[in-house]
Amino acid sequence: MLSTMQDRPLTINAIYEHGRKVFADSEVVTFMGDGSRRATYGEVAERARKLAGALKRLGIRPGDRVGTFCWNNQEHLESYLAIPCMGAVLHTLNIRLFPDQLSYIVNHAEDRAIIVDDSLVPLLARIAADLKTVERFIVVGDGDASPLGDVLRYEEIIADEPAEFDWPDIEERAAAAMCYTSGTTGNPKGVVYSHRSTFLHSFAVCSGAVFGLTEADRILPIVPMFHANAWGLPYAGWLAGSDFIMPSRFLQAEPLCKLIAAERPTFSGAVPAIWNDILRYAETHEVDLSSIRMIACGGSAVPRSIMERFQQRHGVMIVQAWGMTE
């Protein structure tokens, strides 16, 4: 006998629709260094639909890989939503890899397009001539992109797209995203995340036994969105209706502390080096970390001294996160 209820596939489309409908007024803040720009979930969801329409018009089809070479910002979140929901595969590219590793990964994945932040154009331009399958570079921002030759601008391609997009029906075990791990011998190995695995991971991250994310949270995802899907925070946060505070490229202790004081995040995630830098900065500057209820720290073992100093000096709990890309 089969059940008579909730017969729906576990897809990122379901996460997208839940956040769009239930938490339309939740906020996505992107730090710009000298200020922040803001958008609601409703606005981000509409822009994601427009991005999906633009990518489809450019020839992207279900199963095609679309790379992102971006900082943590609003446009990267829109890509996280649009690309898998249209049936394509999100391939987050590690901006810190050596050029030969990066070109190998792009060619191995057979990416057809890459969305790149304008500040990262010089890095990508070093390998552009070696990319065999990439047909389009889509640049976020209006900075100089001439090193990449003929490019498309993100805002221009979505500007005239309809506000609606007919999302396809997607099998829950279909590929949603790809990350490559360098934690092996030889060339990096590709890991493919399914819609189902991402959906289940998002529920786990939101549970009280893990991070307990809710609509009341404001998430500061410092962990790069190219690193294991930012530990699942973009999808889990969207599912929970949490506000996002995106740090973009401003990852030094001073701008991060100013951002924390201004935007009052309740939850954050990053590697130990980031938090150690913030501790050192706090020794000589007045900082306010009181809004943070929990920090997830991973990528390497967290020294006990860092955990104790955060708890004793700032009243902030650090939890050790562990996992593998695969």
Protein backbone atom coordinates (compact mmCIF):
# COMPACT_ATOMS: atom_id res chain seq x y z
CA MET A 1 0.00 0.00 0.00
CA LEU A 2 1.20 3.52 -0.81
CA SER A 3 0.47 6.65 1.18
CA THR A 4 -2.21 9.14 0.16
CA MET A 5 -0.38 12.33 1.13
CA GLN A 6 2.56 14.60 0.29
CA ASP A 7 3.53 12.74 -2.85
CA ARG A 8 6.01 15.28 -4.11
CA PRO A 9 9.66 15.00 -5.14
CA LEU A 10 12.31 16.36 -2.78
CA THR A 11 13.78 19.02 -5.04
CA ILE A 12 15.40 22.43 -4.73
CA ASN A 13 12.35 23.73 -6.58
CA ALA A 14 10.32 22.91 -3.46
CA ILE A 15 12.81 24.80 -1.29
CA TYR A 16 12.67 27.75 -3.69
CA GLU A 17 8.86 27.87 -3.71
CA HIS A 18 8.61 27.56 0.06
CA GLY A 19 10.96 30.48 0.67
CA ARG A 20 9.32 32.58 -2.05
CA LYS A 21 5.77 32.07 -0.82
CA VAL A 22 6.18 31.87 2.95
CA PHE A 23 9.08 34.26 3.57
CA ALA A 24 8.75 36.81 0.77
CA ASP A 25 9.76 39.65 3.10
CA SER A 26 12.92 38.04 4.47
CA GLU A 27 16.04 39.93 3.51
CA VAL A 28 19.23 39.37 1.53
CA VAL A 29 21.91 41.95 2.35
CA THR A 30 25.11 42.21 0.29
CA PHE A 31 27.97 44.17 1.86
CA MET A 32 29.63 46.58 -0.58
CA GLY A 33 32.44 47.85 1.64
CA ASP A 34 31.05 51.36 1.94
CA GLY A 35 27.46 50.27 2.54
CA SER A 36 25.05 47.47 1.73
CA ARG A 37 22.39 46.74 -0.85
CA ARG A 38 19.22 44.94 0.09
CA ALA A 39 16.62 42.77 -1.54
CA THR A 40 13.72 40.71 -0.26
CA TYR A 41 13.25 36.99 -0.87
CA GLY A 42 10.42 37.96 -3.20
CA GLU A 43 12.74 40.14 -5.27
CA VAL A 44 15.53 37.55 -5.29
CA ALA A 45 13.06 34.85 -6.34
CA GLU A 46 11.83 36.96 -9.25
CA ARG A 47 15.40 37.69 -10.37
CA ALA A 48 16.17 33.96 -10.16
CA ARG A 49 13.26 33.27 -12.52
CA LYS A 50 14.59 35.91 -14.90
CA LEU A 51 18.07 34.40 -14.73
CA ALA A 52 16.63 30.98 -15.57
CA GLY A 53 14.83 32.51 -18.55
CA ALA A 54 18.00 34.22 -19.74
CA LEU A 55 20.06 31.04 -19.44
CA LYS A 56 17.42 29.06 -21.33
CA ARG A 57 17.41 31.70 -24.06
CA LEU A 58 21.21 31.32 -24.26
CA GLY A 59 20.79 27.60 -24.91
CA ILE A 60 21.26 26.11 -21.44
CA ARG A 61 19.23 22.92 -21.16
CA PRO A 62 18.50 20.41 -18.37
CA GLY A 63 21.67 18.57 -17.41
CA ASP A 64 24.00 21.29 -18.73
CA ARG A 65 26.62 22.53 -16.29
CA VAL A 66 26.79 26.24 -15.46
CA GLY A 67 29.82 27.41 -13.50
CA THR A 68 29.94 30.21 -10.95
CA PHE A 69 33.15 32.07 -10.13
CA CYS A 70 31.79 34.42 -7.50
CA TRP A 71 32.01 35.78 -4.00
CA ASN A 72 29.16 35.30 -1.53
CA ASN A 73 26.61 37.81 -2.78
CA GLN A 74 23.01 38.16 -3.91
CA GLU A 75 23.72 37.16 -7.51
CA HIS A 76 25.43 33.98 -6.37
CA LEU A 77 22.36 33.10 -4.31
CA GLU A 78 20.16 33.77 -7.35
CA SER A 79 22.36 31.38 -9.32
CA TYR A 80 22.03 28.77 -6.54
CA LEU A 81 18.28 28.92 -7.06
CA ALA A 82 17.88 29.43 -10.80
CA ILE A 83 20.36 26.91 -12.19
CA PRO A 84 19.21 23.70 -10.44
CA CYS A 85 15.54 24.71 -10.51
CA MET A 86 15.67 24.94 -14.33
CA GLY A 87 17.15 21.44 -14.43
CA ALA A 88 20.74 22.48 -15.12
CA VAL A 89 23.64 21.71 -12.78
CA LEU A 90 25.25 24.38 -10.60
CA HIS A 91 29.04 24.04 -10.66
CA THR A 92 30.66 26.28 -8.05
CA LEU A 93 34.27 26.98 -9.00
CA ASN A 94 36.94 27.45 -6.35
CA ILE A 95 38.53 30.86 -6.92
CA ARG A 96 41.62 29.82 -4.92
CA LEU A 97 42.72 26.89 -7.07
CA PHE A 98 45.86 26.94 -9.19
CA PRO A 99 45.12 27.83 -12.84
CA ASP A 100 45.91 24.34 -14.15
CA GLN A 101 43.55 22.76 -11.60
CA LEU A 102 40.80 25.23 -12.42
CA SER A 103 41.02 24.70 -16.18
CA TYR A 104 41.05 20.93 -15.66
CA ILE A 105 37.89 21.12 -13.55
CA VAL A 106 35.97 23.34 -15.98
CA ASN A 107 36.90 21.13 -18.92
CA HIS A 108 36.20 17.91 -17.05
CA ALA A 109 32.76 19.16 -15.99
CA GLU A 110 32.13 20.51 -19.51
CA ASP A 111 30.71 23.78 -18.24
CA ARG A 112 28.84 25.64 -20.98
CA ALA A 113 28.71 29.03 -19.28
CA ILE A 114 30.38 30.71 -16.32
CA ILE A 115 28.92 33.48 -14.16
CA VAL A 116 31.82 35.56 -12.81
CA ASP A 117 32.12 38.56 -10.49
CA ASP A 118 33.81 41.51 -12.18
CA SER A 119 36.54 41.64 -9.51
CA LEU A 120 37.48 38.03 -10.37
CA VAL A 121 37.69 38.54 -14.14
CA PRO A 122 41.52 38.78 -14.13
CA LEU A 123 41.80 35.39 -12.41
CA LEU A 124 39.45 33.69 -14.84
CA ALA A 125 41.01 35.40 -17.85
CA ARG A 126 44.29 33.56 -17.18
CA ILE A 127 42.69 30.27 -18.22
CA ALA A 128 39.92 31.43 -20.57
CA ALA A 129 41.79 30.34 -23.69
CA ASP A 130 42.14 26.81 -22.27
CA LEU A 131 38.43 26.30 -21.57
CA LYS A 132 37.15 23.99 -24.31
CA THR A 133 33.41 23.91 -23.66
CA VAL A 134 32.61 27.36 -22.23
CA GLU A 135 30.52 29.35 -24.70
CA ARG A 136 29.55 32.35 -22.56
CA PHE A 137 31.00 34.43 -19.75
CA ILE A 138 28.34 36.31 -17.78
CA VAL A 139 29.82 39.11 -15.69
CA VAL A 140 28.26 40.35 -12.44
CA GLY A 141 28.91 44.07 -11.96
CA ASP A 142 30.00 46.78 -14.36
CA GLY A 143 33.77 46.57 -13.83
CA ASP A 144 36.26 46.04 -16.65
CA ALA A 145 35.76 42.63 -18.27
CA SER A 146 37.86 43.19 -21.39
CA PRO A 147 40.39 40.45 -20.47
CA LEU A 148 37.61 37.91 -21.16
CA GLY A 149 36.78 39.37 -24.56
CA ASP A 150 33.14 39.39 -25.63
CA VAL A 151 31.07 38.94 -22.46
CA LEU A 152 27.46 39.24 -21.36
CA ARG A 153 26.47 41.38 -18.39
CA TYR A 154 24.33 39.74 -15.72
CA GLU A 155 21.98 42.68 -15.24
CA GLU A 156 21.55 43.16 -18.97
CA ILE A 157 20.58 39.57 -19.72
CA ILE A 158 17.92 39.43 -17.00
CA ALA A 159 16.54 42.94 -17.54
CA ASP A 160 14.05 42.11 -20.29
CA GLU A 161 13.17 38.59 -19.21
CA PRO A 162 9.59 37.85 -18.10
CA ALA A 163 8.97 37.78 -14.37
CA GLU A 164 7.58 34.24 -14.68
CA PHE A 165 9.35 31.04 -15.67
CA ASP A 166 7.84 27.62 -16.23
CA TRP A 167 10.02 25.41 -14.06
CA PRO A 168 10.33 21.86 -15.42
CA ASP A 169 9.39 18.76 -13.47
CA ILE A 170 12.61 17.37 -12.04
CA GLU A 171 13.41 13.89 -10.78
CA GLU A 172 14.60 14.22 -7.18
CA ARG A 173 17.68 12.11 -7.84
CA ALA A 174 18.74 14.33 -10.75
CA ALA A 175 22.00 16.24 -10.41
CA ALA A 176 21.58 19.66 -8.80
CA ALA A 177 25.14 20.80 -8.10
CA MET A 178 28.76 19.80 -8.50
CA CYS A 179 31.78 20.44 -6.32
CA TYR A 180 35.29 19.20 -6.93
CA THR A 181 37.41 17.96 -4.05
CA SER A 182 41.19 18.27 -4.00
CA GLY A 183 41.46 16.02 -0.97
CA THR A 184 42.66 13.11 -3.10
CA THR A 185 45.69 12.09 -5.09
CA GLY A 186 45.90 13.26 -8.68
CA ASN A 187 43.46 15.73 -10.19
CA PRO A 188 40.43 16.98 -8.23
CA LYS A 189 37.45 14.63 -8.30
CA GLY A 190 33.92 15.76 -9.07
CA VAL A 191 31.15 15.19 -6.55
CA VAL A 192 27.56 15.45 -7.76
CA TYR A 193 24.83 16.46 -5.31
CA SER A 194 21.26 15.45 -6.12
CA HIS A 195 18.14 17.50 -5.47
CA ARG A 196 17.10 14.89 -2.91
CA SER A 197 20.39 14.95 -1.00
CA THR A 198 20.35 18.76 -0.91
CA PHE A 199 16.74 18.82 0.31
CA LEU A 200 17.44 16.33 3.09
CA HIS A 201 20.65 18.12 4.09
CA SER A 202 18.73 21.40 4.34
CA PHE A 203 16.21 19.84 6.70
CA ALA A 204 19.02 18.40 8.81
CA VAL A 205 20.82 21.76 9.06
CA CYS A 206 17.60 23.45 10.19
CA SER A 207 16.97 20.88 12.92
CA GLY A 208 17.50 21.73 16.57
CA ALA A 209 20.14 19.02 16.81
CA VAL A 210 22.31 20.85 14.26
CA PHE A 211 22.06 24.64 13.78
CA GLY A 212 18.38 25.18 14.55
CA LEU A 213 17.88 27.80 11.85
CA THR A 214 14.58 29.70 11.88
CA GLU A 215 12.95 32.80 10.43
CA ALA A 216 14.36 34.75 13.40
CA ASP A 217 17.95 34.10 12.33
CA ARG A 218 20.24 36.35 10.33
CA ILE A 219 22.91 34.22 8.67
CA LEU A 220 26.39 35.52 7.85
CA PRO A 221 27.85 32.86 5.50
CA ILE A 222 31.57 33.62 5.42
CA VAL A 223 32.40 30.08 4.28
CA PRO A 224 32.72 30.42 0.49
CA MET A 225 29.74 29.37 -1.58
CA PHE A 226 32.16 27.36 -3.73
CA HIS A 227 33.11 25.21 -0.71
CA ALA A 228 30.71 22.25 -0.40
CA ASN A 229 27.71 24.48 -1.16
CA ALA A 230 28.72 26.76 1.73
CA TRP A 231 27.98 23.85 4.07
CA GLY A 232 24.37 23.91 2.86
CA LEU A 233 23.62 27.31 4.42
CA PRO A 234 22.13 28.97 1.30
CA TYR A 235 19.45 26.32 0.87
CA ALA A 236 18.85 25.69 4.57
CA GLY A 237 18.58 29.40 5.29
CA TRP A 238 16.17 29.94 2.39
CA LEU A 239 14.06 27.01 3.61
CA ALA A 240 13.95 28.48 7.12
CA GLY A 241 13.29 32.04 5.96
CA SER A 242 16.41 33.40 7.65
CA ASP A 243 17.86 36.72 6.54
CA PHE A 244 21.18 36.49 4.68
CA ILE A 245 24.07 38.88 5.24
CA MET A 246 26.48 38.34 2.35
CA PRO A 247 30.06 39.56 2.96
CA SER A 248 31.11 39.52 -0.71
CA ARG A 249 34.91 39.96 -0.98
CA PHE A 250 35.30 41.78 2.34
CA LEU A 251 36.66 38.95 4.46
CA GLN A 252 39.22 40.74 6.61
CA ALA A 253 38.64 41.17 10.34
CA GLU A 254 37.94 44.92 10.27
CA PRO A 255 35.16 44.95 7.64
CA LEU A 256 33.65 41.77 9.06
CA CYS A 257 33.48 43.25 12.56
CA LYS A 258 31.88 46.40 11.20
CA LEU A 259 29.39 44.30 9.25
CA ILE A 260 28.54 42.23 12.32
CA ALA A 261 27.97 45.35 14.41
CA ALA A 262 25.78 46.95 11.74
CA GLU A 263 23.69 43.97 10.59
CA ARG A 264 23.51 41.91 13.81
CA PRO A 265 23.82 38.34 12.49
CA THR A 266 22.75 35.55 14.82
CA PHE A 267 24.58 32.71 13.08
CA SER A 268 27.77 32.47 11.05
CA GLY A 269 30.07 29.89 9.55
CA ALA A 270 33.74 30.10 8.55
CA VAL A 271 37.11 28.40 8.88
CA PRO A 272 39.18 28.83 12.09
CA ALA A 273 41.58 31.36 10.52
CA ILE A 274 38.75 33.88 10.08
CA TRP A 275 37.72 33.69 13.73
CA ASN A 276 41.31 33.82 14.93
CA ASP A 277 41.81 37.03 12.93
CA ILE A 278 38.67 38.50 14.51
CA LEU A 279 39.93 37.60 17.99
CA ARG A 280 43.23 39.36 17.32
CA TYR A 281 41.44 42.40 15.94
CA ALA A 282 39.21 42.50 19.03
CA GLU A 283 42.27 42.75 21.28
CA THR A 284 42.99 46.27 20.02
CA HIS A 285 39.59 47.44 18.79
CA GLU A 286 36.15 47.65 20.30
CA VAL A 287 33.90 45.05 18.67
CA ASP A 288 30.34 43.93 19.30
CA LEU A 289 29.66 40.26 18.59
CA SER A 290 26.77 40.00 21.03
CA SER A 291 24.15 39.27 18.38
CA ILE A 292 25.76 35.94 17.42
CA ARG A 293 24.24 32.91 19.14
CA MET A 294 26.33 30.29 17.34
CA ILE A 295 29.33 29.98 15.05
CA ALA A 296 29.90 26.88 12.93
CA CYS A 297 33.60 26.40 12.36
CA GLY A 298 35.05 23.82 9.99
CA GLY A 299 37.57 23.16 7.27
CA SER A 300 40.09 22.14 9.93
CA ALA A 301 40.13 21.43 13.64
CA VAL A 302 39.19 24.40 15.81
CA PRO A 303 41.82 25.08 18.49
CA ARG A 304 40.33 24.82 21.96
CA SER A 305 41.83 28.23 22.79
CA ILE A 306 39.72 29.92 20.08
CA MET A 307 36.53 28.28 21.32
CA GLU A 308 37.25 29.24 24.93
CA ARG A 309 38.20 32.84 24.13
CA PHE A 310 35.05 33.41 22.10
CA GLN A 311 32.90 31.98 24.88
CA GLN A 312 34.66 33.81 27.72
CA ARG A 313 35.25 37.19 26.08
CA HIS A 314 32.26 37.51 23.77
CA GLY A 315 29.71 34.99 25.04
CA VAL A 316 29.63 33.28 21.64
CA MET A 317 29.49 29.51 21.23
CA ILE A 318 31.62 27.89 18.52
CA VAL A 319 30.67 24.40 17.35
CA GLN A 320 33.09 22.20 15.44
CA ALA A 321 31.63 21.25 12.06
CA TRP A 322 32.97 18.27 10.17
CA GLY A 323 32.24 16.80 6.79
CA MET A 324 33.60 15.96 3.38
CA THR A 325 32.73 17.36 -0.03
CA GLU A 326 31.60 13.90 -1.04
